[in-house]
């Protein structure tokens, strides 16, 4: 049974489980499929209960289904001193399930290709899959369209497929049964470990979260795992399909109707002059950019407190400036000389005290960092911020973090948060490779830029 169906049924499966490095020692446990997939194992004997994470746990359910659980974090451990028993509750990040023949090495985790189903990818690609003509009662459609990019270690394919049947008669209404399937596919020239493939996918997922301007996560995947079997005395490759489920700690899916989401993309495929170049640039900057876009996109979720949203955005601005601007007040050699001169006039405790205070004295203030990024966003459609507003933003953040939480001045937090959202999106797009004139239409037409465009939606 597919994992999604197990979750809908809130299935609880009992089975035998073992840690990946010791298959001979198996324990009784149950895997519970709910909003999050959780595992509980119990047993007796010696076990290291100080561990807070297991890289891999394997098991077989009572119905014959096999599972590989990766990155299992311990949420609770209980020990019974009288009977020597113990139990552990765990939350895995990745769940791999499959049914296997007893003649195969079922626990291999190498694969040749990896697919993820991206919601509304066909709209993002702007692929028109079929045209209808009601004059001659003929339905025409394209079965598949692909966009590709070489990533060095893998080939990226964005694929939209149309599958189905259509029947018509001049005296009856048209009847159609058409299924649409859009996937992000990674193809490898040789088999690679699952952990390597999922890591690359997660980096690409961040690109689409920016493109959609949405904090969405994906769970269900299809992947071809490569295993070897003996055939006439020789090793022969055999492909096995396994289902992958990402057990995210936060699960937010895109659930807008296609008619609306088509208008809410930050940018679409047609806006990219060179798709391969943009993706390559994204992979260069994704790691230092990751905490920035995670804070930014999380702030867009419904139900987030205004103060929480504001602080997340200010922190994202500071991180972005530190990692992608790097400007300091003075060049390092000039600052070190000045610092040395100051310390040369002091001794003892005073010298140590001042040296500590001077450690970060060459760094820009938050106010200066915001002003820098406001300047970078000029000519992108961003309407700007007055210097006194930038000062108020910095003072309000410092009031929240360093003094009395909630002690605000007359800053409009909603408007300031909208402005910071635009500043971050504009600077991220510039860093990816967009020109200022390419961002300007987004600022006029996209709800994310409601601070500059005058568009207003329900505030989060």
Protein backbone atom coordinates (compact mmCIF):
# COMPACT_ATOMS: atom_id res chain seq x y z
CA UNK A 1 0.00 0.00 0.00
CA UNK A 2 1.30 3.48 -0.83
CA UNK A 3 2.49 5.54 2.11
CA UNK A 4 -0.01 8.32 1.36
CA UNK A 5 -2.84 5.77 1.68
CA UNK A 6 -1.36 4.44 4.91
CA UNK A 7 -1.42 7.99 6.29
CA UNK A 8 -5.01 8.57 5.21
CA UNK A 9 -5.99 5.34 6.96
CA UNK A 10 -3.80 6.24 10.00
CA UNK A 11 -2.37 2.75 9.78
CA UNK A 12 -0.33 1.20 12.59
CA UNK A 13 1.94 -1.65 11.45
CA UNK A 14 3.77 -4.02 13.79
CA UNK A 15 7.02 -5.58 12.65
CA UNK A 16 10.62 -6.50 13.34
CA UNK A 17 13.22 -3.73 13.27
CA UNK A 18 16.98 -3.55 13.39
CA UNK A 19 19.71 -0.95 13.26
CA UNK A 20 21.50 -0.95 9.92
CA UNK A 21 24.79 -2.20 11.30
CA UNK A 22 23.33 -5.25 13.08
CA UNK A 23 20.66 -7.20 11.17
CA UNK A 24 20.97 -10.24 13.43
CA UNK A 25 19.70 -8.36 16.46
CA UNK A 26 16.08 -7.49 15.77
CA UNK A 27 13.47 -5.82 17.97
CA UNK A 28 9.71 -5.60 18.05
CA UNK A 29 8.27 -2.25 17.08
CA UNK A 30 5.36 -0.40 15.53
CA UNK A 31 5.37 2.22 12.80
CA UNK A 32 2.50 4.70 12.97
CA UNK A 33 1.33 6.58 9.89
CA UNK A 34 -0.27 9.89 10.83
CA UNK A 35 0.53 13.52 10.16
CA UNK A 36 4.10 12.43 10.82
CA UNK A 37 5.45 8.91 10.48
CA UNK A 38 6.75 7.72 13.85
CA UNK A 39 8.48 4.54 14.99
CA UNK A 40 8.59 2.98 18.43
CA UNK A 41 10.98 0.10 19.19
CA UNK A 42 11.22 -1.85 22.43
CA UNK A 43 13.52 -4.61 23.63
CA UNK A 44 15.77 -5.89 26.36
CA UNK A 45 19.52 -6.01 26.84
CA UNK A 46 22.28 -3.51 26.42
CA UNK A 47 21.73 -0.52 24.11
CA UNK A 48 23.14 2.96 23.95
CA UNK A 49 20.27 5.17 25.08
CA UNK A 50 22.41 8.32 25.00
CA UNK A 51 22.21 8.54 21.20
CA UNK A 52 19.86 11.19 19.84
CA UNK A 53 19.97 10.06 16.21
CA UNK A 54 20.30 6.86 14.17
CA UNK A 55 21.39 7.20 10.55
CA UNK A 56 19.33 4.23 9.38
CA UNK A 57 16.82 1.76 10.79
CA UNK A 58 15.42 -1.11 8.71
CA UNK A 59 12.41 -3.31 9.24
CA UNK A 60 9.73 -5.59 7.87
CA UNK A 61 6.06 -5.12 8.67
CA UNK A 62 3.60 -7.88 9.41
CA UNK A 63 2.11 -7.45 5.92
CA UNK A 64 5.45 -8.13 4.21
CA UNK A 65 6.28 -4.51 3.41
CA UNK A 66 9.92 -3.52 3.87
CA UNK A 67 10.98 -0.14 5.22
CA UNK A 68 14.20 1.83 5.40
CA UNK A 69 14.01 4.82 7.77
CA UNK A 70 16.78 7.37 7.49
CA UNK A 71 17.97 10.08 9.89
CA UNK A 72 15.86 8.81 12.79
CA UNK A 73 15.78 11.37 15.61
CA UNK A 74 15.07 10.10 19.13
CA UNK A 75 12.13 11.94 20.68
CA UNK A 76 11.84 9.80 23.82
CA UNK A 77 13.66 6.91 25.48
CA UNK A 78 12.45 4.94 28.51
CA UNK A 79 14.39 2.40 30.58
CA UNK A 80 13.01 -0.17 33.01
CA UNK A 81 15.74 -0.87 35.58
CA UNK A 82 13.93 -3.82 37.17
CA UNK A 83 13.42 -5.86 33.98
CA UNK A 84 16.25 -4.48 31.87
CA UNK A 85 13.81 -3.35 29.20
CA UNK A 86 13.76 -0.20 27.14
CA UNK A 87 11.75 1.58 24.47
CA UNK A 88 12.67 4.33 22.00
CA UNK A 89 10.39 6.67 20.05
CA UNK A 90 11.82 8.05 16.81
CA UNK A 91 10.93 10.43 13.97
CA UNK A 92 12.68 9.69 10.65
CA UNK A 93 13.20 12.36 7.99
CA UNK A 94 13.02 9.90 5.07
CA UNK A 95 10.87 6.78 4.73
CA UNK A 96 11.56 4.29 1.92
CA UNK A 97 9.11 1.45 1.43
CA UNK A 98 9.02 -1.47 -1.00
CA UNK A 99 8.08 -5.12 -1.40
CA UNK A 100 10.97 -7.42 -2.18
CA UNK A 101 11.60 -10.95 -3.28
CA UNK A 102 13.55 -13.07 -0.81
CA UNK A 103 16.11 -13.83 -3.54
CA UNK A 104 17.31 -10.24 -3.86
CA UNK A 105 19.50 -8.01 -1.79
CA UNK A 106 16.49 -5.92 -0.83
CA UNK A 107 18.19 -3.26 1.28
CA UNK A 108 20.30 -1.63 -1.43
CA UNK A 109 19.93 2.14 -1.57
CA UNK A 110 21.63 2.96 -4.87
CA UNK A 111 19.63 4.43 -7.73
CA UNK A 112 19.99 5.43 -11.35
CA UNK A 113 17.27 8.07 -11.50
CA UNK A 114 15.18 10.04 -9.08
CA UNK A 115 11.80 11.66 -9.63
CA UNK A 116 9.79 14.14 -7.59
CA UNK A 117 6.28 15.30 -8.33
CA UNK A 118 6.20 19.11 -8.23
CA UNK A 119 2.73 20.66 -7.79
CA UNK A 120 1.60 22.75 -10.77
CA UNK A 121 4.93 22.28 -12.57
CA UNK A 122 3.08 22.31 -15.91
CA UNK A 123 1.82 25.83 -15.14
CA UNK A 124 5.32 26.96 -14.19
CA UNK A 125 6.71 25.51 -17.41
CA UNK A 126 3.81 27.11 -19.29
CA UNK A 127 3.28 23.96 -21.30
CA UNK A 128 0.01 23.86 -23.20
CA UNK A 129 -0.56 20.16 -23.38
CA UNK A 130 -3.60 19.94 -25.62
CA UNK A 131 -5.82 21.98 -27.89
CA UNK A 132 -9.43 21.18 -28.64
CA UNK A 133 -11.37 21.92 -31.77
CA UNK A 134 -15.14 21.64 -31.38
CA UNK A 135 -15.85 22.23 -35.07
CA UNK A 136 -14.53 18.91 -36.28
CA UNK A 137 -14.84 17.06 -32.94
CA UNK A 138 -11.12 16.33 -32.92
CA UNK A 139 -9.02 16.52 -29.76
CA UNK A 140 -5.31 17.09 -30.26
CA UNK A 141 -2.73 16.96 -27.51
CA UNK A 142 1.02 16.60 -26.99
CA UNK A 143 1.98 13.59 -24.89
CA UNK A 144 5.18 14.95 -23.36
CA UNK A 145 7.31 18.06 -23.09
CA UNK A 146 10.73 18.27 -21.43
CA UNK A 147 13.16 20.95 -20.36
CA UNK A 148 16.70 19.84 -19.46
CA UNK A 149 19.85 21.15 -17.81
CA UNK A 150 23.24 19.51 -17.23
CA UNK A 151 24.29 19.73 -13.58
CA UNK A 152 27.64 17.97 -13.89
CA UNK A 153 26.91 15.03 -11.62
CA UNK A 154 23.40 14.56 -12.99
CA UNK A 155 21.04 15.61 -15.73
CA UNK A 156 17.98 17.59 -14.65
CA UNK A 157 14.78 16.97 -16.60
CA UNK A 158 11.55 18.86 -16.01
CA UNK A 159 8.91 16.73 -17.65
CA UNK A 160 5.19 17.19 -18.25
CA UNK A 161 3.27 14.21 -19.58
CA UNK A 162 -0.32 13.88 -20.72
CA UNK A 163 -1.77 10.39 -20.57
CA UNK A 164 -5.31 9.25 -21.27
CA UNK A 165 -7.96 8.40 -23.80
CA UNK A 166 -10.54 10.52 -25.60
CA UNK A 167 -13.68 9.37 -27.38
CA UNK A 168 -16.32 11.27 -29.29
CA UNK A 169 -19.34 10.79 -31.51
CA UNK A 170 -21.22 13.34 -33.59
CA UNK A 171 -24.45 12.52 -31.74
CA UNK A 172 -23.04 12.33 -28.20
CA UNK A 173 -21.00 14.50 -25.85
CA UNK A 174 -17.23 14.14 -25.84
CA UNK A 175 -15.92 11.80 -23.16
CA UNK A 176 -12.38 12.21 -21.92
CA UNK A 177 -10.22 10.42 -19.37
CA UNK A 178 -6.93 12.31 -19.28
CA UNK A 179 -4.28 12.29 -16.55
CA UNK A 180 -1.56 14.89 -16.24
CA UNK A 181 1.80 14.05 -14.64
CA UNK A 182 4.63 16.56 -14.02
CA UNK A 183 7.93 15.57 -12.46
CA UNK A 184 11.40 16.80 -11.66
CA UNK A 185 13.78 14.03 -12.71
CA UNK A 186 17.48 13.56 -11.90
CA UNK A 187 19.29 11.12 -14.20
CA UNK A 188 22.70 9.72 -13.26
CA UNK A 189 25.15 8.04 -15.67
CA UNK A 190 25.97 5.51 -12.95
CA UNK A 191 24.21 4.45 -9.79
CA UNK A 192 24.57 6.76 -6.79
CA UNK A 193 23.59 6.52 -3.16
CA UNK A 194 20.12 7.69 -2.23
CA UNK A 195 21.57 10.19 0.25
CA UNK A 196 23.48 11.90 -2.56
CA UNK A 197 20.43 12.10 -4.82
CA UNK A 198 18.09 13.42 -2.13
CA UNK A 199 20.63 16.07 -1.11
CA UNK A 200 20.78 17.43 -4.66
CA UNK A 201 16.99 17.37 -4.92
CA UNK A 202 16.56 19.33 -1.69
CA UNK A 203 18.84 22.05 -3.04
CA UNK A 204 16.74 22.23 -6.22
CA UNK A 205 13.55 22.26 -4.17
CA UNK A 206 14.66 25.57 -2.69
CA UNK A 207 14.79 27.05 -6.20
CA UNK A 208 11.15 26.17 -6.81
CA UNK A 209 10.12 27.48 -3.41
CA UNK A 210 11.56 30.84 -4.48
CA UNK A 211 9.98 30.58 -7.96
CA UNK A 212 6.59 29.84 -6.41
CA UNK A 213 7.15 32.35 -3.58
CA UNK A 214 5.62 29.66 -1.37
CA UNK A 215 6.80 27.64 1.59
CA UNK A 216 5.83 24.24 0.18
CA UNK A 217 7.28 20.82 0.84
CA UNK A 218 6.99 17.59 -1.12
CA UNK A 219 6.70 14.12 0.30
CA UNK A 220 6.03 11.47 -2.32
CA UNK A 221 8.70 10.35 -4.76
CA UNK A 222 9.37 7.57 -7.23
CA UNK A 223 12.90 6.34 -7.76
CA UNK A 224 14.58 3.49 -9.58
CA UNK A 225 16.97 1.67 -7.28
CA UNK A 226 19.68 -0.40 -8.91
CA UNK A 227 20.51 -3.77 -7.39
CA UNK A 228 22.56 -6.69 -8.72
CA UNK A 229 21.42 -10.30 -9.06
CA UNK A 230 23.20 -13.41 -10.27
CA UNK A 231 22.33 -14.50 -13.80
CA UNK A 232 24.17 -17.48 -15.27
CA UNK A 233 27.05 -16.91 -12.91
CA UNK A 234 27.41 -13.22 -13.70
CA UNK A 235 26.21 -10.10 -11.95
CA UNK A 236 23.36 -8.43 -13.81
CA UNK A 237 21.64 -5.16 -12.98
CA UNK A 238 18.01 -5.28 -11.97
CA UNK A 239 15.87 -2.20 -11.46
CA UNK A 240 13.53 -2.07 -8.49
CA UNK A 241 10.89 0.60 -7.81
CA UNK A 242 10.66 1.95 -4.27
CA UNK A 243 8.49 4.67 -2.82
CA UNK A 244 10.10 7.54 -0.94
CA UNK A 245 8.32 9.69 1.61
CA UNK A 246 9.82 12.78 3.21
CA UNK A 247 8.63 12.94 6.79
CA UNK A 248 9.12 16.67 7.21
CA UNK A 249 8.74 18.23 10.63
CA UNK A 250 6.73 21.00 8.95
CA UNK A 251 4.44 20.01 6.11
CA UNK A 252 3.03 22.80 3.98
CA UNK A 253 1.67 21.97 0.54
CA UNK A 254 0.60 24.27 -2.26
CA UNK A 255 -3.18 23.99 -2.19
CA UNK A 256 -4.26 26.91 -4.35
CA UNK A 257 -6.46 26.36 -7.36
CA UNK A 258 -4.65 26.38 -10.73
CA UNK A 259 -6.51 29.48 -11.90
CA UNK A 260 -5.08 31.43 -8.97
CA UNK A 261 -1.63 29.89 -8.61
CA UNK A 262 -0.88 30.64 -12.26
CA UNK A 263 -0.91 34.32 -11.27
CA UNK A 264 1.12 33.91 -8.10
CA UNK A 265 4.43 32.54 -9.40
CA UNK A 266 7.25 34.92 -8.64
CA UNK A 267 8.76 33.94 -11.99
CA UNK A 268 8.16 31.21 -14.56
CA UNK A 269 10.34 29.20 -16.91
CA UNK A 270 9.78 31.63 -19.76
CA UNK A 271 11.29 34.42 -17.62
CA UNK A 272 14.66 32.63 -17.53
CA UNK A 273 16.90 33.58 -20.43
CA UNK A 274 19.23 30.62 -19.82
CA UNK A 275 17.68 27.96 -17.58
CA UNK A 276 20.91 25.94 -17.24
CA UNK A 277 22.92 29.01 -16.25
CA UNK A 278 20.35 30.07 -13.65
CA UNK A 279 20.22 26.59 -12.09
CA UNK A 280 24.02 26.39 -12.00
CA UNK A 281 24.15 29.76 -10.24
CA UNK A 282 21.47 28.64 -7.78
CA UNK A 283 23.52 25.56 -6.83
CA UNK A 284 26.53 27.83 -6.22
CA UNK A 285 24.71 30.05 -3.74
CA UNK A 286 22.07 27.71 -2.27
CA UNK A 287 24.00 26.62 0.82
CA UNK A 288 24.78 30.12 2.18
CA UNK A 289 21.35 31.30 0.99
CA UNK A 290 19.42 28.44 2.65
CA UNK A 291 18.73 30.05 6.06
CA UNK A 292 17.72 33.26 4.29
CA UNK A 293 15.01 31.78 2.08
CA UNK A 294 13.84 29.45 4.84
CA UNK A 295 13.22 32.40 7.16
CA UNK A 296 11.71 34.42 4.31
CA UNK A 297 9.28 31.75 3.12
CA UNK A 298 8.30 30.67 6.62
CA UNK A 299 7.31 34.28 7.32
CA UNK A 300 4.74 34.04 4.50
CA UNK A 301 2.77 31.23 6.14
CA UNK A 302 -0.71 31.91 7.41
CA UNK A 303 -1.05 32.03 11.16
CA UNK A 304 2.40 33.52 11.85
CA UNK A 305 2.41 36.20 14.55
CA UNK A 306 3.23 39.66 13.20
CA UNK A 307 6.17 40.06 15.58
CA UNK A 308 7.51 36.63 14.64
CA UNK A 309 7.25 37.47 10.94
CA UNK A 310 9.03 40.79 11.45
CA UNK A 311 11.92 39.29 13.44
CA UNK A 312 12.36 36.43 10.92
CA UNK A 313 12.59 38.91 8.05
CA UNK A 314 15.06 41.21 9.81
CA UNK A 315 17.24 38.22 10.69
CA UNK A 316 17.08 37.05 7.08
CA UNK A 317 18.17 40.51 5.89
CA UNK A 318 21.14 40.51 8.26
CA UNK A 319 22.24 37.00 7.24
CA UNK A 320 21.90 37.79 3.54
CA UNK A 321 23.98 40.97 3.83
CA UNK A 322 26.72 39.25 5.85
CA UNK A 323 27.02 36.38 3.36
CA UNK A 324 26.54 38.13 0.03
CA UNK A 325 27.71 41.68 0.60
CA UNK A 326 30.57 41.35 3.04
CA UNK A 327 31.15 45.09 3.29
CA UNK A 328 32.92 46.35 6.39
CA UNK A 329 33.53 49.87 7.66
CA UNK A 330 37.24 49.79 6.88
CA UNK A 331 39.58 47.40 5.02
CA UNK A 332 41.03 44.71 7.28
CA UNK A 333 44.59 46.07 7.26
CA UNK A 334 43.44 49.61 8.07
CA UNK A 335 41.14 48.41 10.85
CA UNK A 336 43.79 46.15 12.42
CA UNK A 337 46.24 49.04 12.51
CA UNK A 338 43.68 51.30 14.19
CA UNK A 339 42.73 48.56 16.67
CA UNK A 340 46.39 47.97 17.53
CA UNK A 341 46.88 51.69 18.16
CA UNK A 342 43.88 51.83 20.51
CA UNK A 343 44.97 48.77 22.51
CA UNK A 344 48.59 49.99 22.78
CA UNK A 345 47.43 52.76 25.11
CA UNK A 346 45.75 50.34 27.53
CA UNK A 347 46.94 47.69 29.99
CA UNK A 348 45.55 44.90 32.17
CA UNK A 349 41.77 44.51 32.60
CA UNK A 350 41.00 47.64 30.62
CA UNK A 351 42.88 46.28 27.62
CA UNK A 352 41.05 42.93 27.78
CA UNK A 353 37.69 44.69 28.18
CA UNK A 354 38.23 47.04 25.23
CA UNK A 355 39.63 44.22 23.09
CA UNK A 356 36.39 42.31 23.60
CA UNK A 357 34.31 45.36 22.72
CA UNK A 358 36.34 45.93 19.55
CA UNK A 359 35.93 42.38 18.29
CA UNK A 360 32.95 43.24 16.07
CA UNK A 361 33.44 47.00 15.90
CA UNK A 362 34.36 46.89 12.20
CA UNK A 363 31.05 45.21 11.33
CA UNK A 364 28.17 47.26 9.98
CA UNK A 365 25.12 47.92 12.11
CA UNK A 366 21.77 46.42 11.23
CA UNK A 367 20.61 49.84 10.09
CA UNK A 368 23.53 50.10 7.66
CA UNK A 369 22.90 46.59 6.31
CA UNK A 370 19.24 47.35 5.59
CA UNK A 371 20.23 50.61 3.89
CA UNK A 372 22.71 48.71 1.67
CA UNK A 373 20.06 46.22 0.52
CA UNK A 374 17.52 48.99 -0.04
CA UNK A 375 20.09 50.63 -2.32
CA UNK A 376 20.60 47.31 -4.18
CA UNK A 377 16.84 47.01 -4.73
CA UNK A 378 16.64 50.42 -6.42
CA UNK A 379 15.23 50.37 -9.97
CA UNK A 380 13.65 46.94 -9.44
CA UNK A 381 10.24 48.47 -8.75
CA UNK A 382 10.83 48.74 -5.00
CA UNK A 383 9.50 52.11 -3.88
CA UNK A 384 12.23 52.57 -1.25
CA UNK A 385 12.40 53.33 2.46
CA UNK A 386 13.01 56.64 4.17
CA UNK A 387 16.17 56.74 6.36
CA UNK A 388 14.05 57.34 9.46
CA UNK A 389 11.99 54.22 8.65
CA UNK A 390 15.16 52.14 8.36
CA UNK A 391 16.23 53.48 11.75
CA UNK A 392 12.85 52.54 13.24
CA UNK A 393 13.09 49.00 11.84
CA UNK A 394 16.52 48.50 13.44
CA UNK A 395 15.39 50.03 16.76
CA UNK A 396 12.23 47.90 16.84
CA UNK A 397 14.17 44.69 16.19
CA UNK A 398 16.70 45.62 18.91
CA UNK A 399 13.83 46.37 21.28
CA UNK A 400 12.34 42.92 20.65
CA UNK A 401 15.62 41.05 20.94
CA UNK A 402 17.78 42.99 23.39
CA UNK A 403 15.34 44.92 25.56
CA UNK A 404 11.64 44.61 26.43
CA UNK A 405 9.91 42.31 23.95
CA UNK A 406 7.00 44.19 22.44
CA UNK A 407 8.35 47.60 23.38
CA UNK A 408 7.79 49.18 19.96
CA UNK A 409 7.89 52.71 18.64
CA UNK A 410 5.45 54.05 16.07
CA UNK A 411 6.68 51.67 13.32
CA UNK A 412 3.96 50.02 11.20
CA UNK A 413 5.15 46.41 11.55
CA UNK A 414 2.90 45.09 8.78
CA UNK A 415 4.12 47.63 6.24
CA UNK A 416 7.75 47.20 7.37
CA UNK A 417 7.47 43.42 7.00
CA UNK A 418 6.04 43.81 3.50
CA UNK A 419 8.94 46.08 2.60
CA UNK A 420 11.54 43.66 4.02
CA UNK A 421 9.92 40.82 2.06
CA UNK A 422 10.37 42.77 -1.16
CA UNK A 423 13.95 43.73 -0.30
CA UNK A 424 14.85 40.07 0.22
CA UNK A 425 13.11 38.75 -2.88
CA UNK A 426 14.62 41.49 -5.07
CA UNK A 427 18.15 40.89 -3.79
CA UNK A 428 17.82 37.10 -4.09
CA UNK A 429 16.63 37.47 -7.70
CA UNK A 430 19.55 39.78 -8.43
CA UNK A 431 21.92 37.23 -6.91
CA UNK A 432 20.46 34.44 -9.05
CA UNK A 433 21.07 36.48 -12.20
CA UNK A 434 17.93 38.51 -12.90
CA UNK A 435 18.45 42.05 -14.20
CA UNK A 436 16.71 44.96 -12.49
CA UNK A 437 14.46 45.54 -15.51
CA UNK A 438 13.35 41.88 -15.35
CA UNK A 439 12.29 42.24 -11.72
CA UNK A 440 10.30 45.43 -12.30
CA UNK A 441 7.27 43.69 -13.92
CA UNK A 442 7.09 41.30 -10.95
CA UNK A 443 6.87 44.25 -8.57
CA UNK A 444 3.90 45.59 -10.51
CA UNK A 445 1.95 42.36 -10.87
CA UNK A 446 2.80 39.97 -8.05
CA UNK A 447 1.09 39.96 -4.65
CA UNK A 448 4.44 39.37 -2.93
CA UNK A 449 5.35 42.97 -3.88
CA UNK A 450 2.23 44.48 -2.37
CA UNK A 451 4.28 47.12 -0.51
CA UNK A 452 5.33 48.79 -3.78
CA UNK A 453 2.50 47.80 -6.11
CA UNK A 454 -0.40 48.83 -3.90
CA UNK A 455 -1.82 45.30 -3.94
CA UNK A 456 -3.22 44.29 -0.58
CA UNK A 457 -4.25 40.85 0.55
CA UNK A 458 -5.20 39.58 3.96
CA UNK A 459 -2.25 40.20 6.25
CA UNK A 460 -0.59 37.19 7.83
